[in-house]
Amino acid sequence: MQRDEIELDSQPIFEIGQKVRVKKLIKNDGTFPGREIGEVLAKIGDVGYVSSIGTFLQAYYIYAVHFLETGYIIGCRKRELESAEEKHESNAPTE
C-alpha cells in the first residue's frame, strides 16, 4: 500500500498570483456554499489564478483558485491543477 506524500514537507508547487489550469472535473463536495453537492464548479481546461494557499490535514496544500469567468474561488489540490503560464526565458541575455 502506497501512502500519499506529505506535501507540507516541501514548498508549494504554485505561487499566489500564478495562472493555473484545471486538470480534473471539480464538483462540489459539500464545502462550496450556495451550490448543490455534486454540481460542477470547474471543468477541465478552466483557467484561474491562485489567490491564497492553505493546508489540509497537516499534509496537503490547498490552493484557493479564483476563476474570473464564474467568480468562484475554489480550493484545489496540486493533483487537480497545472501551470497555465507560458514558459519564457526571463533571464536570457538580450543582445
N, C-alpha and C. Protein backbone atom coordinates (compact mmCIF):
# COMPACT_ATOMS: atom_id res chain seq x y z
N MET A 1 0.84 -1.19 0.00
CA MET A 1 0.00 0.00 0.00
C MET A 1 0.88 1.25 0.00
N GLN A 2 0.67 2.11 -0.97
CA GLN A 2 1.46 3.34 -1.07
C GLN A 2 0.73 4.47 -0.35
N ARG A 3 1.46 5.20 0.45
CA ARG A 3 0.86 6.32 1.18
C ARG A 3 1.05 7.59 0.37
N ASP A 4 0.10 8.51 0.52
CA ASP A 4 0.23 9.81 -0.12
C ASP A 4 1.42 10.54 0.48
N GLU A 5 2.08 11.31 -0.37
CA GLU A 5 3.20 12.11 0.13
C GLU A 5 2.67 13.22 1.04
N ILE A 6 3.50 13.66 1.94
CA ILE A 6 3.16 14.80 2.78
C ILE A 6 3.70 16.03 2.06
N GLU A 7 2.81 16.75 1.40
CA GLU A 7 3.22 17.90 0.58
C GLU A 7 3.88 18.98 1.42
N LEU A 8 3.48 19.10 2.68
CA LEU A 8 4.00 20.18 3.51
C LEU A 8 5.48 20.02 3.84
N ASP A 9 6.05 18.86 3.50
CA ASP A 9 7.49 18.65 3.68
C ASP A 9 8.30 19.46 2.67
N SER A 10 7.65 19.98 1.63
CA SER A 10 8.32 20.81 0.62
C SER A 10 7.51 22.09 0.40
N GLN A 11 8.07 22.98 -0.38
CA GLN A 11 7.41 24.25 -0.67
C GLN A 11 6.21 24.03 -1.60
N PRO A 12 5.22 24.93 -1.57
CA PRO A 12 4.09 24.81 -2.51
C PRO A 12 4.60 24.83 -3.95
N ILE A 13 3.93 24.08 -4.81
CA ILE A 13 4.33 24.00 -6.22
C ILE A 13 3.85 25.22 -7.01
N PHE A 14 2.74 25.83 -6.56
CA PHE A 14 2.21 27.02 -7.21
C PHE A 14 2.37 28.21 -6.27
N GLU A 15 2.37 29.42 -6.86
CA GLU A 15 2.55 30.65 -6.09
C GLU A 15 1.29 31.50 -6.18
N ILE A 16 1.10 32.36 -5.19
CA ILE A 16 -0.02 33.31 -5.23
C ILE A 16 0.13 34.18 -6.47
N GLY A 17 -0.96 34.32 -7.20
CA GLY A 17 -0.97 35.11 -8.43
C GLY A 17 -0.68 34.29 -9.68
N GLN A 18 -0.26 33.04 -9.51
CA GLN A 18 0.08 32.21 -10.67
C GLN A 18 -1.18 31.77 -11.41
N LYS A 19 -1.09 31.78 -12.72
CA LYS A 19 -2.17 31.33 -13.60
C LYS A 19 -2.12 29.81 -13.68
N VAL A 20 -3.25 29.16 -13.38
CA VAL A 20 -3.31 27.70 -13.37
C VAL A 20 -4.50 27.21 -14.19
N ARG A 21 -4.42 25.94 -14.60
CA ARG A 21 -5.48 25.30 -15.40
C ARG A 21 -5.93 24.04 -14.68
N VAL A 22 -7.24 23.78 -14.71
CA VAL A 22 -7.81 22.60 -14.06
C VAL A 22 -7.54 21.36 -14.91
N LYS A 23 -7.05 20.28 -14.28
CA LYS A 23 -6.77 19.01 -14.96
C LYS A 23 -7.88 17.98 -14.73
N LYS A 24 -8.73 18.21 -13.74
CA LYS A 24 -9.79 17.26 -13.40
C LYS A 24 -11.09 18.03 -13.21
N LEU A 25 -12.20 17.39 -13.52
CA LEU A 25 -13.51 17.98 -13.27
C LEU A 25 -13.65 18.19 -11.76
N ILE A 26 -14.04 19.40 -11.35
CA ILE A 26 -14.20 19.69 -9.92
C ILE A 26 -15.67 19.90 -9.62
N LYS A 27 -16.17 19.04 -8.74
CA LYS A 27 -17.58 19.11 -8.32
C LYS A 27 -17.64 19.52 -6.86
N ASN A 28 -18.78 20.09 -6.48
CA ASN A 28 -18.97 20.49 -5.09
C ASN A 28 -19.06 19.25 -4.20
N ASP A 29 -18.16 19.17 -3.24
CA ASP A 29 -18.16 18.05 -2.30
C ASP A 29 -18.93 18.41 -1.03
N GLY A 30 -19.63 19.53 -1.08
CA GLY A 30 -20.38 19.99 0.07
C GLY A 30 -19.73 21.15 0.79
N THR A 31 -18.52 21.53 0.35
CA THR A 31 -17.80 22.62 1.00
C THR A 31 -17.95 23.95 0.28
N PHE A 32 -18.64 23.96 -0.86
CA PHE A 32 -18.84 25.21 -1.60
C PHE A 32 -20.27 25.69 -1.32
N PRO A 33 -20.41 26.81 -0.62
CA PRO A 33 -21.74 27.27 -0.22
C PRO A 33 -22.60 27.74 -1.39
N GLY A 34 -23.89 27.50 -1.28
CA GLY A 34 -24.84 28.01 -2.27
C GLY A 34 -24.98 27.17 -3.52
N ARG A 35 -24.29 26.04 -3.59
CA ARG A 35 -24.37 25.15 -4.74
C ARG A 35 -24.67 23.74 -4.25
N GLU A 36 -25.36 22.97 -5.06
CA GLU A 36 -25.73 21.61 -4.69
C GLU A 36 -24.50 20.70 -4.66
N ILE A 37 -24.53 19.70 -3.79
CA ILE A 37 -23.47 18.70 -3.76
C ILE A 37 -23.47 17.97 -5.11
N GLY A 38 -22.31 17.83 -5.70
CA GLY A 38 -22.18 17.18 -7.00
C GLY A 38 -22.24 18.13 -8.18
N GLU A 39 -22.61 19.38 -7.94
CA GLU A 39 -22.67 20.37 -9.03
C GLU A 39 -21.26 20.68 -9.51
N VAL A 40 -21.09 20.78 -10.83
CA VAL A 40 -19.78 21.08 -11.42
C VAL A 40 -19.41 22.54 -11.12
N LEU A 41 -18.23 22.73 -10.55
CA LEU A 41 -17.73 24.06 -10.23
C LEU A 41 -16.68 24.53 -11.23
N ALA A 42 -15.88 23.60 -11.75
CA ALA A 42 -14.85 23.92 -12.74
C ALA A 42 -14.65 22.71 -13.64
N LYS A 43 -14.51 22.99 -14.93
CA LYS A 43 -14.32 21.94 -15.93
C LYS A 43 -12.84 21.85 -16.33
N ILE A 44 -12.47 20.71 -16.87
CA ILE A 44 -11.11 20.52 -17.36
C ILE A 44 -10.79 21.63 -18.36
N GLY A 45 -9.66 22.28 -18.16
CA GLY A 45 -9.23 23.36 -19.04
C GLY A 45 -9.57 24.75 -18.54
N ASP A 46 -10.46 24.86 -17.54
CA ASP A 46 -10.77 26.18 -16.99
C ASP A 46 -9.51 26.79 -16.38
N VAL A 47 -9.37 28.10 -16.53
CA VAL A 47 -8.17 28.81 -16.07
C VAL A 47 -8.55 29.77 -14.96
N GLY A 48 -7.69 29.82 -13.94
CA GLY A 48 -7.88 30.75 -12.83
C GLY A 48 -6.54 31.16 -12.27
N TYR A 49 -6.58 31.90 -11.17
CA TYR A 49 -5.37 32.43 -10.55
C TYR A 49 -5.35 32.06 -9.08
N VAL A 50 -4.20 31.60 -8.58
CA VAL A 50 -4.06 31.24 -7.18
C VAL A 50 -4.18 32.52 -6.34
N SER A 51 -5.18 32.55 -5.44
CA SER A 51 -5.38 33.75 -4.63
C SER A 51 -4.86 33.57 -3.20
N SER A 52 -4.75 32.34 -2.74
CA SER A 52 -4.15 32.07 -1.43
C SER A 52 -3.78 30.60 -1.36
N ILE A 53 -2.97 30.28 -0.36
CA ILE A 53 -2.52 28.89 -0.17
C ILE A 53 -2.73 28.53 1.30
N GLY A 54 -3.47 27.45 1.52
CA GLY A 54 -3.70 26.97 2.87
C GLY A 54 -3.25 25.53 2.98
N THR A 55 -3.60 24.88 4.07
CA THR A 55 -3.24 23.49 4.27
C THR A 55 -4.46 22.69 4.70
N PHE A 56 -4.37 21.37 4.55
CA PHE A 56 -5.46 20.47 4.92
C PHE A 56 -4.86 19.23 5.55
N LEU A 57 -5.40 18.84 6.70
CA LEU A 57 -4.96 17.63 7.41
C LEU A 57 -3.46 17.59 7.70
N GLN A 58 -2.85 18.74 7.85
CA GLN A 58 -1.42 18.85 8.14
C GLN A 58 -0.57 18.05 7.15
N ALA A 59 -1.08 17.89 5.92
CA ALA A 59 -0.35 17.09 4.94
C ALA A 59 -0.36 17.70 3.55
N TYR A 60 -1.41 18.43 3.20
CA TYR A 60 -1.58 18.89 1.81
C TYR A 60 -1.74 20.40 1.73
N TYR A 61 -1.26 20.95 0.62
CA TYR A 61 -1.56 22.34 0.31
C TYR A 61 -2.91 22.39 -0.39
N ILE A 62 -3.69 23.40 -0.06
CA ILE A 62 -4.93 23.69 -0.76
C ILE A 62 -4.75 25.06 -1.40
N TYR A 63 -4.90 25.10 -2.71
CA TYR A 63 -4.73 26.33 -3.47
C TYR A 63 -6.10 26.93 -3.73
N ALA A 64 -6.36 28.12 -3.19
CA ALA A 64 -7.61 28.81 -3.48
C ALA A 64 -7.44 29.44 -4.86
N VAL A 65 -8.22 28.98 -5.82
CA VAL A 65 -8.08 29.43 -7.20
C VAL A 65 -9.31 30.27 -7.56
N HIS A 66 -9.06 31.50 -8.02
CA HIS A 66 -10.13 32.42 -8.43
C HIS A 66 -10.34 32.27 -9.93
N PHE A 67 -11.52 31.79 -10.28
CA PHE A 67 -11.89 31.64 -11.68
C PHE A 67 -12.67 32.89 -12.08
N LEU A 68 -12.07 33.71 -12.93
CA LEU A 68 -12.66 35.01 -13.26
C LEU A 68 -13.98 34.88 -14.02
N GLU A 69 -14.12 33.87 -14.87
CA GLU A 69 -15.35 33.73 -15.67
C GLU A 69 -16.57 33.48 -14.80
N THR A 70 -16.43 32.67 -13.74
CA THR A 70 -17.56 32.34 -12.88
C THR A 70 -17.57 33.18 -11.61
N GLY A 71 -16.41 33.72 -11.26
CA GLY A 71 -16.29 34.44 -10.00
C GLY A 71 -16.04 33.51 -8.82
N TYR A 72 -16.03 32.21 -9.06
CA TYR A 72 -15.83 31.23 -7.99
C TYR A 72 -14.39 31.25 -7.50
N ILE A 73 -14.23 31.06 -6.20
CA ILE A 73 -12.93 30.79 -5.61
C ILE A 73 -13.04 29.39 -5.03
N ILE A 74 -12.26 28.48 -5.59
CA ILE A 74 -12.39 27.06 -5.27
C ILE A 74 -11.08 26.54 -4.70
N GLY A 75 -11.17 25.78 -3.63
CA GLY A 75 -9.99 25.14 -3.05
C GLY A 75 -9.62 23.92 -3.88
N CYS A 76 -8.38 23.87 -4.37
CA CYS A 76 -7.93 22.78 -5.24
C CYS A 76 -6.66 22.14 -4.69
N ARG A 77 -6.53 20.86 -4.92
CA ARG A 77 -5.30 20.14 -4.60
C ARG A 77 -4.33 20.23 -5.76
N LYS A 78 -3.06 19.99 -5.49
CA LYS A 78 -2.00 20.03 -6.51
C LYS A 78 -2.34 19.14 -7.69
N ARG A 79 -2.84 17.94 -7.43
CA ARG A 79 -3.12 16.97 -8.49
C ARG A 79 -4.24 17.42 -9.43
N GLU A 80 -5.01 18.44 -9.03
CA GLU A 80 -6.11 18.93 -9.86
C GLU A 80 -5.70 20.08 -10.77
N LEU A 81 -4.47 20.57 -10.60
CA LEU A 81 -4.03 21.78 -11.30
C LEU A 81 -2.73 21.57 -12.06
N GLU A 82 -2.52 22.44 -13.05
CA GLU A 82 -1.24 22.55 -13.73
C GLU A 82 -1.02 24.02 -14.05
N SER A 83 0.23 24.40 -14.24
CA SER A 83 0.53 25.78 -14.59
C SER A 83 -0.04 26.11 -15.96
N ALA A 84 -0.61 27.30 -16.08
CA ALA A 84 -1.13 27.76 -17.38
C ALA A 84 -0.30 28.92 -17.90
N GLU A 85 0.82 29.18 -17.25
CA GLU A 85 1.67 30.28 -17.66
C GLU A 85 2.59 29.84 -18.78
N GLU A 86 2.83 30.75 -19.69
CA GLU A 86 3.74 30.46 -20.80
C GLU A 86 5.16 30.39 -20.27
N LYS A 87 5.91 29.43 -20.78
CA LYS A 87 7.32 29.32 -20.41
C LYS A 87 8.09 30.37 -21.21
N HIS A 88 8.88 31.15 -20.51
CA HIS A 88 9.71 32.12 -21.21
C HIS A 88 11.00 32.31 -20.42
N GLU A 89 12.03 32.63 -21.14
CA GLU A 89 13.34 32.80 -20.56
C GLU A 89 13.54 34.25 -20.14
N SER A 90 13.16 34.57 -18.91
CA SER A 90 13.28 35.94 -18.45
C SER A 90 14.73 36.30 -18.11
N ASN A 91 15.57 35.29 -17.90
CA ASN A 91 16.96 35.54 -17.55
C ASN A 91 17.88 35.48 -18.77
N ALA A 92 17.31 35.28 -19.94
CA ALA A 92 18.11 35.18 -21.16
C ALA A 92 18.72 36.55 -21.48
N PRO A 93 19.97 36.57 -21.90
CA PRO A 93 20.59 37.85 -22.24
C PRO A 93 19.93 38.46 -23.49
N THR A 94 19.78 39.75 -23.45
CA THR A 94 19.20 40.45 -24.62
C THR A 94 20.32 41.18 -25.33
N GLU A 95 20.50 40.85 -26.59
CA GLU A 95 21.56 41.49 -27.37
C GLU A 95 21.03 42.03 -28.66
